[in-house]
């Protein structure tokens, strides 16, 4: 059985990319964002990025950068309550 590719409209909730704050990151080099963006364009975003209630990015900097490159205005998120600095 073939699984349908999921895309950003399959998730709830979503946030405006402009409202997501990226703090200090452990990974400095995000690698090949072009290839990741191409994959997301082909099969969709399989895992939403993770933010706290204030919109601080907790996980998914590469996915966020790829979605920006694709011109997305919003991105699917999972919100973790009580996490962050």
PDB file of N, CA and C in Angstrom:
ATOM      1  N   UNK A   1       0.837  -1.177   0.000  1.00  0.00           N
ATOM      2  CA  UNK A   1       0.000   0.000   0.000  1.00  0.00           C
ATOM      3  C   UNK A   1       0.881   1.239   0.000  1.00  0.00           C
ATOM      4  N   UNK A   2       0.673   2.122  -0.944  1.00  0.00           N
ATOM      5  CA  UNK A   2       1.491   3.328  -1.034  1.00  0.00           C
ATOM      6  C   UNK A   2       0.943   4.384  -0.094  1.00  0.00           C
ATOM      7  N   UNK A   3       1.838   4.985   0.673  1.00  0.00           N
ATOM      8  CA  UNK A   3       1.432   6.024   1.609  1.00  0.00           C
ATOM      9  C   UNK A   3       1.451   7.375   0.912  1.00  0.00           C
ATOM     10  N   UNK A   4       0.400   8.157   1.110  1.00  0.00           N
ATOM     11  CA  UNK A   4       0.333   9.491   0.530  1.00  0.00           C
ATOM     12  C   UNK A   4       1.317  10.407   1.232  1.00  0.00           C
ATOM     13  N   UNK A   5       2.043  11.190   0.442  1.00  0.00           N
ATOM     14  CA  UNK A   5       2.976  12.163   1.008  1.00  0.00           C
ATOM     15  C   UNK A   5       2.205  13.207   1.781  1.00  0.00           C
ATOM     16  N   UNK A   6       2.698  13.540   2.951  1.00  0.00           N
ATOM     17  CA  UNK A   6       2.069  14.562   3.777  1.00  0.00           C
ATOM     18  C   UNK A   6       2.673  15.904   3.428  1.00  0.00           C
ATOM     19  N   UNK A   7       1.895  16.927   3.530  1.00  0.00           N
ATOM     20  CA  UNK A   7       2.418  18.259   3.282  1.00  0.00           C
ATOM     21  C   UNK A   7       1.963  19.200   4.370  1.00  0.00           C
ATOM     22  N   UNK A   8       2.332  20.450   4.237  1.00  0.00           N
ATOM     23  CA  UNK A   8       2.082  21.399   5.314  1.00  0.00           C
ATOM     24  C   UNK A   8       0.611  21.566   5.642  1.00  0.00           C
ATOM     25  N   UNK A   9      -0.286  21.320   4.701  1.00  0.00           N
ATOM     26  CA  UNK A   9      -1.701  21.475   4.989  1.00  0.00           C
ATOM     27  C   UNK A   9      -2.259  20.307   5.791  1.00  0.00           C
ATOM     28  N   UNK A  10      -1.496  19.230   5.953  1.00  0.00           N
ATOM     29  CA  UNK A  10      -1.949  18.074   6.715  1.00  0.00           C
ATOM     30  C   UNK A  10      -1.778  18.260   8.221  1.00  0.00           C
ATOM     31  N   UNK A  11      -1.098  19.299   8.639  1.00  0.00           N
ATOM     32  CA  UNK A  11      -0.784  19.498  10.042  1.00  0.00           C
ATOM     33  C   UNK A  11      -1.580  20.651  10.627  1.00  0.00           C
ATOM     34  N   UNK A  12      -1.739  20.590  11.907  1.00  0.00           N
ATOM     35  CA  UNK A  12      -2.294  21.709  12.645  1.00  0.00           C
ATOM     36  C   UNK A  12      -1.616  21.671  13.987  1.00  0.00           C
ATOM     37  N   UNK A  13      -1.225  22.729  14.542  1.00  0.00           N
ATOM     38  CA  UNK A  13      -1.332  24.097  14.037  1.00  0.00           C
ATOM     39  C   UNK A  13      -0.145  24.482  13.162  1.00  0.00           C
ATOM     40  N   UNK A  14      -0.208  25.670  12.639  1.00  0.00           N
ATOM     41  CA  UNK A  14       0.931  26.215  11.909  1.00  0.00           C
ATOM     42  C   UNK A  14       1.185  27.626  12.426  1.00  0.00           C
ATOM     43  N   UNK A  15       2.387  28.096  12.152  1.00  0.00           N
ATOM     44  CA  UNK A  15       2.780  29.445  12.567  1.00  0.00           C
ATOM     45  C   UNK A  15       3.353  30.183  11.376  1.00  0.00           C
ATOM     46  N   UNK A  16       3.221  31.500  11.411  1.00  0.00           N
ATOM     47  CA  UNK A  16       3.917  32.318  10.427  1.00  0.00           C
ATOM     48  C   UNK A  16       5.413  32.151  10.636  1.00  0.00           C
ATOM     49  N   UNK A  17       6.122  31.908   9.575  1.00  0.00           N
ATOM     50  CA  UNK A  17       7.574  31.751   9.681  1.00  0.00           C
ATOM     51  C   UNK A  17       8.206  33.012  10.263  1.00  0.00           C
ATOM     52  N   UNK A  18       7.688  34.168   9.888  1.00  0.00           N
ATOM     53  CA  UNK A  18       8.236  35.434  10.389  1.00  0.00           C
ATOM     54  C   UNK A  18       8.108  35.574  11.907  1.00  0.00           C
ATOM     55  N   UNK A  19       7.179  34.836  12.524  1.00  0.00           N
ATOM     56  CA  UNK A  19       6.970  34.924  13.975  1.00  0.00           C
ATOM     57  C   UNK A  19       7.808  33.928  14.766  1.00  0.00           C
ATOM     58  N   UNK A  20       8.554  33.070  14.089  1.00  0.00           N
ATOM     59  CA  UNK A  20       9.378  32.078  14.776  1.00  0.00           C
ATOM     60  C   UNK A  20      10.756  32.681  15.040  1.00  0.00           C
ATOM     61  N   UNK A  21      11.141  32.666  16.302  1.00  0.00           N
ATOM     62  CA  UNK A  21      12.442  33.202  16.699  1.00  0.00           C
ATOM     63  C   UNK A  21      13.468  32.073  16.776  1.00  0.00           C
ATOM     64  N   UNK A  22      14.617  32.311  16.175  1.00  0.00           N
ATOM     65  CA  UNK A  22      15.705  31.332  16.211  1.00  0.00           C
ATOM     66  C   UNK A  22      16.760  31.858  17.169  1.00  0.00           C
ATOM     67  N   UNK A  23      16.948  31.160  18.274  1.00  0.00           N
ATOM     68  CA  UNK A  23      17.940  31.559  19.264  1.00  0.00           C
ATOM     69  C   UNK A  23      19.299  30.954  18.954  1.00  0.00           C
ATOM     70  N   UNK A  24      20.121  30.845  19.976  1.00  0.00           N
ATOM     71  CA  UNK A  24      21.456  30.263  19.848  1.00  0.00           C
ATOM     72  C   UNK A  24      21.315  28.789  19.484  1.00  0.00           C
ATOM     73  N   UNK A  25      22.024  28.374  18.446  1.00  0.00           N
ATOM     74  CA  UNK A  25      21.941  27.000  17.962  1.00  0.00           C
ATOM     75  C   UNK A  25      23.255  26.274  18.196  1.00  0.00           C
ATOM     76  N   UNK A  26      23.199  24.976  18.433  1.00  0.00           N
ATOM     77  CA  UNK A  26      24.405  24.156  18.574  1.00  0.00           C
ATOM     78  C   UNK A  26      25.054  23.936  17.216  1.00  0.00           C
ATOM     79  N   UNK A  27      24.234  23.703  16.209  1.00  0.00           N
ATOM     80  CA  UNK A  27      24.742  23.434  14.862  1.00  0.00           C
ATOM     81  C   UNK A  27      24.928  24.771  14.149  1.00  0.00           C
ATOM     82  N   UNK A  28      26.147  25.048  13.719  1.00  0.00           N
ATOM     83  CA  UNK A  28      26.434  26.292  13.007  1.00  0.00           C
ATOM     84  C   UNK A  28      26.233  26.139  11.497  1.00  0.00           C
ATOM     85  N   UNK A  29      26.634  24.978  10.969  1.00  0.00           N
ATOM     86  CA  UNK A  29      26.525  24.720   9.534  1.00  0.00           C
ATOM     87  C   UNK A  29      25.261  23.903   9.294  1.00  0.00           C
ATOM     88  N   UNK A  30      24.319  24.480   8.554  1.00  0.00           N
ATOM     89  CA  UNK A  30      23.056  23.792   8.312  1.00  0.00           C
ATOM     90  C   UNK A  30      23.139  22.770   7.192  1.00  0.00           C
ATOM     91  N   UNK A  31      24.271  22.690   6.517  1.00  0.00           N
ATOM     92  CA  UNK A  31      24.429  21.680   5.473  1.00  0.00           C
ATOM     93  C   UNK A  31      23.715  22.059   4.188  1.00  0.00           C
ATOM     94  N   UNK A  32      23.328  21.055   3.429  1.00  0.00           N
ATOM     95  CA  UNK A  32      22.751  21.247   2.108  1.00  0.00           C
ATOM     96  C   UNK A  32      21.249  21.512   2.213  1.00  0.00           C
ATOM     97  N   UNK A  33      20.887  22.762   2.435  1.00  0.00           N
ATOM     98  CA  UNK A  33      19.481  23.143   2.561  1.00  0.00           C
ATOM     99  C   UNK A  33      18.752  22.962   1.233  1.00  0.00           C
ATOM    100  N   UNK A  34      19.448  23.147   0.120  1.00  0.00           N
ATOM    101  CA  UNK A  34      18.827  22.971  -1.188  1.00  0.00           C
ATOM    102  C   UNK A  34      18.264  21.580  -1.387  1.00  0.00           C
ATOM    103  N   UNK A  35      19.027  20.567  -1.010  1.00  0.00           N
ATOM    104  CA  UNK A  35      18.567  19.186  -1.150  1.00  0.00           C
ATOM    105  C   UNK A  35      17.380  18.911  -0.230  1.00  0.00           C
ATOM    106  N   UNK A  36      17.431  19.441   0.981  1.00  0.00           N
ATOM    107  CA  UNK A  36      16.314  19.256   1.906  1.00  0.00           C
ATOM    108  C   UNK A  36      15.072  19.959   1.377  1.00  0.00           C
ATOM    109  N   UNK A  37      15.228  21.167   0.862  1.00  0.00           N
ATOM    110  CA  UNK A  37      14.095  21.904   0.294  1.00  0.00           C
ATOM    111  C   UNK A  37      13.487  21.129  -0.873  1.00  0.00           C
ATOM    112  N   UNK A  38      14.329  20.551  -1.694  1.00  0.00           N
ATOM    113  CA  UNK A  38      13.840  19.758  -2.825  1.00  0.00           C
ATOM    114  C   UNK A  38      13.039  18.551  -2.337  1.00  0.00           C
ATOM    115  N   UNK A  39      13.532  17.901  -1.298  1.00  0.00           N
ATOM    116  CA  UNK A  39      12.827  16.758  -0.730  1.00  0.00           C
ATOM    117  C   UNK A  39      11.469  17.178  -0.163  1.00  0.00           C
ATOM    118  N   UNK A  40      11.446  18.287   0.554  1.00  0.00           N
ATOM    119  CA  UNK A  40      10.187  18.776   1.120  1.00  0.00           C
ATOM    120  C   UNK A  40       9.212  19.144   0.005  1.00  0.00           C
ATOM    121  N   UNK A  41       9.727  19.741  -1.064  1.00  0.00           N
ATOM    122  CA  UNK A  41       8.863  20.087  -2.198  1.00  0.00           C
ATOM    123  C   UNK A  41       8.296  18.835  -2.853  1.00  0.00           C
ATOM    124  N   UNK A  42       9.082  17.757  -2.888  1.00  0.00           N
ATOM    125  CA  UNK A  42       8.665  16.510  -3.541  1.00  0.00           C
ATOM    126  C   UNK A  42       7.675  15.702  -2.705  1.00  0.00           C
ATOM    127  N   UNK A  43       7.984  15.516  -1.412  1.00  0.00           N
ATOM    128  CA  UNK A  43       7.168  14.602  -0.603  1.00  0.00           C
ATOM    129  C   UNK A  43       6.464  15.280   0.566  1.00  0.00           C
ATOM    130  N   UNK A  44       6.736  16.536   0.794  1.00  0.00           N
ATOM    131  CA  UNK A  44       6.105  17.250   1.899  1.00  0.00           C
ATOM    132  C   UNK A  44       6.984  17.272   3.128  1.00  0.00           C
ATOM    133  N   UNK A  45       6.568  18.052   4.097  1.00  0.00           N
ATOM    134  CA  UNK A  45       7.273  18.142   5.372  1.00  0.00           C
ATOM    135  C   UNK A  45       6.729  17.043   6.277  1.00  0.00           C
ATOM    136  N   UNK A  46       7.549  16.033   6.544  1.00  0.00           N
ATOM    137  CA  UNK A  46       7.083  14.869   7.286  1.00  0.00           C
ATOM    138  C   UNK A  46       7.029  15.098   8.790  1.00  0.00           C
ATOM    139  N   UNK A  47       7.885  15.979   9.290  1.00  0.00           N
ATOM    140  CA  UNK A  47       7.931  16.256  10.727  1.00  0.00           C
ATOM    141  C   UNK A  47       7.873  17.754  10.943  1.00  0.00           C
ATOM    142  N   UNK A  48       6.864  18.237  11.667  1.00  0.00           N
ATOM    143  CA  UNK A  48       6.781  19.671  11.927  1.00  0.00           C
ATOM    144  C   UNK A  48       7.972  20.137  12.759  1.00  0.00           C
ATOM    145  N   UNK A  49       8.268  21.418  12.689  1.00  0.00           N
ATOM    146  CA  UNK A  49       9.312  21.955  13.557  1.00  0.00           C
ATOM    147  C   UNK A  49       8.745  22.086  14.970  1.00  0.00           C
ATOM    148  N   UNK A  50       9.624  22.225  15.935  1.00  0.00           N
ATOM    149  CA  UNK A  50       9.216  22.287  17.338  1.00  0.00           C
ATOM    150  C   UNK A  50       9.503  23.690  17.860  1.00  0.00           C
ATOM    151  N   UNK A  51       8.478  24.314  18.442  1.00  0.00           N
ATOM    152  CA  UNK A  51       8.632  25.641  19.043  1.00  0.00           C
ATOM    153  C   UNK A  51       8.026  25.611  20.443  1.00  0.00           C
ATOM    154  N   UNK A  52       8.414  26.591  21.261  1.00  0.00           N
ATOM    155  CA  UNK A  52       7.740  26.723  22.549  1.00  0.00           C
ATOM    156  C   UNK A  52       6.551  27.668  22.386  1.00  0.00           C
ATOM    157  N   UNK A  53       5.853  27.932  23.455  1.00  0.00           N
ATOM    158  CA  UNK A  53       4.652  28.765  23.396  1.00  0.00           C
ATOM    159  C   UNK A  53       4.935  30.182  22.900  1.00  0.00           C
ATOM    160  N   UNK A  54       6.172  30.650  23.103  1.00  0.00           N
ATOM    161  CA  UNK A  54       6.558  31.997  22.692  1.00  0.00           C
ATOM    162  C   UNK A  54       7.075  32.053  21.255  1.00  0.00           C
ATOM    163  N   UNK A  55       7.077  30.930  20.571  1.00  0.00           N
ATOM    164  CA  UNK A  55       7.548  30.895  19.192  1.00  0.00           C
ATOM    165  C   UNK A  55       9.046  30.738  19.041  1.00  0.00           C
ATOM    166  N   UNK A  56       9.736  30.367  20.116  1.00  0.00           N
ATOM    167  CA  UNK A  56      11.178  30.121  20.053  1.00  0.00           C
ATOM    168  C   UNK A  56      11.419  28.735  19.460  1.00  0.00           C
ATOM    169  N   UNK A  57      12.247  28.664  18.441  1.00  0.00           N
ATOM    170  CA  UNK A  57      12.565  27.395  17.799  1.00  0.00           C
ATOM    171  C   UNK A  57      13.347  26.506  18.756  1.00  0.00           C
ATOM    172  N   UNK A  58      12.835  25.299  18.961  1.00  0.00           N
ATOM    173  CA  UNK A  58      13.520  24.323  19.809  1.00  0.00           C
ATOM    174  C   UNK A  58      14.195  23.241  18.975  1.00  0.00           C
ATOM    175  N   UNK A  59      13.592  22.870  17.854  1.00  0.00           N
ATOM    176  CA  UNK A  59      14.155  21.846  16.974  1.00  0.00           C
ATOM    177  C   UNK A  59      13.619  22.062  15.565  1.00  0.00           C
ATOM    178  N   UNK A  60      14.503  21.890  14.579  1.00  0.00           N
ATOM    179  CA  UNK A  60      14.068  21.980  13.190  1.00  0.00           C
ATOM    180  C   UNK A  60      14.628  23.160  12.428  1.00  0.00           C
ATOM    181  N   UNK A  61      15.810  23.618  12.785  1.00  0.00           N
ATOM    182  CA  UNK A  61      16.409  24.779  12.102  1.00  0.00           C
ATOM    183  C   UNK A  61      16.611  24.505  10.611  1.00  0.00           C
ATOM    184  N   UNK A  62      17.030  23.301  10.261  1.00  0.00           N
ATOM    185  CA  UNK A  62      17.232  22.971   8.839  1.00  0.00           C
ATOM    186  C   UNK A  62      15.897  22.935   8.099  1.00  0.00           C
ATOM    187  N   UNK A  63      14.894  22.329   8.714  1.00  0.00           N
ATOM    188  CA  UNK A  63      13.576  22.280   8.079  1.00  0.00           C
ATOM    189  C   UNK A  63      13.007  23.682   7.915  1.00  0.00           C
ATOM    190  N   UNK A  64      13.201  24.527   8.913  1.00  0.00           N
ATOM    191  CA  UNK A  64      12.719  25.912   8.830  1.00  0.00           C
ATOM    192  C   UNK A  64      13.424  26.649   7.696  1.00  0.00           C
ATOM    193  N   UNK A  65      14.736  26.505   7.595  1.00  0.00           N
ATOM    194  CA  UNK A  65      15.492  27.158   6.517  1.00  0.00           C
ATOM    195  C   UNK A  65      15.029  26.663   5.148  1.00  0.00           C
ATOM    196  N   UNK A  66      14.748  25.372   5.038  1.00  0.00           N
ATOM    197  CA  UNK A  66      14.290  24.814   3.765  1.00  0.00           C
ATOM    198  C   UNK A  66      12.915  25.362   3.394  1.00  0.00           C
ATOM    199  N   UNK A  67      12.033  25.485   4.359  1.00  0.00           N
ATOM    200  CA  UNK A  67      10.696  26.022   4.096  1.00  0.00           C
ATOM    201  C   UNK A  67      10.781  27.495   3.697  1.00  0.00           C
ATOM    202  N   UNK A  68      11.690  28.229   4.309  1.00  0.00           N
ATOM    203  CA  UNK A  68      11.916  29.623   3.905  1.00  0.00           C
ATOM    204  C   UNK A  68      12.376  29.667   2.451  1.00  0.00           C
ATOM    205  N   UNK A  69      13.296  28.800   2.098  1.00  0.00           N
ATOM    206  CA  UNK A  69      13.813  28.757   0.730  1.00  0.00           C
ATOM    207  C   UNK A  69      12.703  28.441  -0.273  1.00  0.00           C
ATOM    208  N   UNK A  70      11.737  27.641   0.147  1.00  0.00           N
ATOM    209  CA  UNK A  70      10.621  27.293  -0.721  1.00  0.00           C
ATOM    210  C   UNK A  70       9.579  28.409  -0.820  1.00  0.00           C
ATOM    211  N   UNK A  71       9.751  29.450  -0.006  1.00  0.00           N
ATOM    212  CA  UNK A  71       8.830  30.577  -0.055  1.00  0.00           C
ATOM    213  C   UNK A  71       7.577  30.402   0.781  1.00  0.00           C
ATOM    214  N   UNK A  72       7.578  29.426   1.689  1.00  0.00           N
ATOM    215  CA  UNK A  72       6.418  29.221   2.546  1.00  0.00           C
ATOM    216  C   UNK A  72       6.263  30.411   3.485  1.00  0.00           C
ATOM    217  N   UNK A  73       5.051  30.802   3.735  1.00  0.00           N
ATOM    218  CA  UNK A  73       4.763  31.870   4.693  1.00  0.00           C
ATOM    219  C   UNK A  73       4.463  31.305   6.081  1.00  0.00           C
ATOM    220  N   UNK A  74       3.925  30.085   6.115  1.00  0.00           N
ATOM    221  CA  UNK A  74       3.642  29.407   7.376  1.00  0.00           C
ATOM    222  C   UNK A  74       4.306  28.039   7.350  1.00  0.00           C
ATOM    223  N   UNK A  75       4.484  27.481   8.537  1.00  0.00           N
ATOM    224  CA  UNK A  75       5.095  26.164   8.654  1.00  0.00           C
ATOM    225  C   UNK A  75       4.369  25.391   9.761  1.00  0.00           C
ATOM    226  N   UNK A  76       4.158  24.094   9.571  1.00  0.00           N
ATOM    227  CA  UNK A  76       3.554  23.291  10.621  1.00  0.00           C
ATOM    228  C   UNK A  76       4.473  23.226  11.843  1.00  0.00           C
ATOM    229  N   UNK A  77       3.876  23.287  13.025  1.00  0.00           N
ATOM    230  CA  UNK A  77       4.656  23.244  14.261  1.00  0.00           C
ATOM    231  C   UNK A  77       4.017  22.304  15.264  1.00  0.00           C
ATOM    232  N   UNK A  78       4.848  21.787  16.131  1.00  0.00           N
ATOM    233  CA  UNK A  78       4.413  21.185  17.384  1.00  0.00           C
ATOM    234  C   UNK A  78       4.847  22.156  18.471  1.00  0.00           C
ATOM    235  N   UNK A  79       3.930  22.520  19.332  1.00  0.00           N
ATOM    236  CA  UNK A  79       4.222  23.473  20.407  1.00  0.00           C
ATOM    237  C   UNK A  79       4.440  22.697  21.697  1.00  0.00           C
ATOM    238  N   UNK A  80       5.610  22.935  22.318  1.00  0.00           N
ATOM    239  CA  UNK A  80       5.945  22.295  23.583  1.00  0.00           C
ATOM    240  C   UNK A  80       5.771  23.335  24.678  1.00  0.00           C
ATOM    241  N   UNK A  81       4.828  23.091  25.560  1.00  0.00           N
ATOM    242  CA  UNK A  81       4.545  24.044  26.623  1.00  0.00           C
ATOM    243  C   UNK A  81       5.598  23.941  27.726  1.00  0.00           C
ATOM    244  N   UNK A  82       6.014  25.100  28.222  1.00  0.00           N
ATOM    245  CA  UNK A  82       6.960  25.158  29.323  1.00  0.00           C
ATOM    246  C   UNK A  82       8.400  24.872  28.967  1.00  0.00           C
ATOM    247  N   UNK A  83       8.737  24.827  27.691  1.00  0.00           N
ATOM    248  CA  UNK A  83      10.116  24.525  27.262  1.00  0.00           C
ATOM    249  C   UNK A  83      10.825  25.817  26.842  1.00  0.00           C
ATOM    250  N   UNK A  84      12.129  25.788  26.940  1.00  0.00           N
ATOM    251  CA  UNK A  84      12.934  26.920  26.493  1.00  0.00           C
ATOM    252  C   UNK A  84      13.586  27.639  27.659  1.00  0.00           C
ATOM    253  N   UNK A  85      14.303  28.711  27.313  1.00  0.00           N
ATOM    254  CA  UNK A  85      15.048  29.422  28.358  1.00  0.00           C
ATOM    255  C   UNK A  85      14.184  30.140  29.363  1.00  0.00           C
TER     256      UNK A  85
END
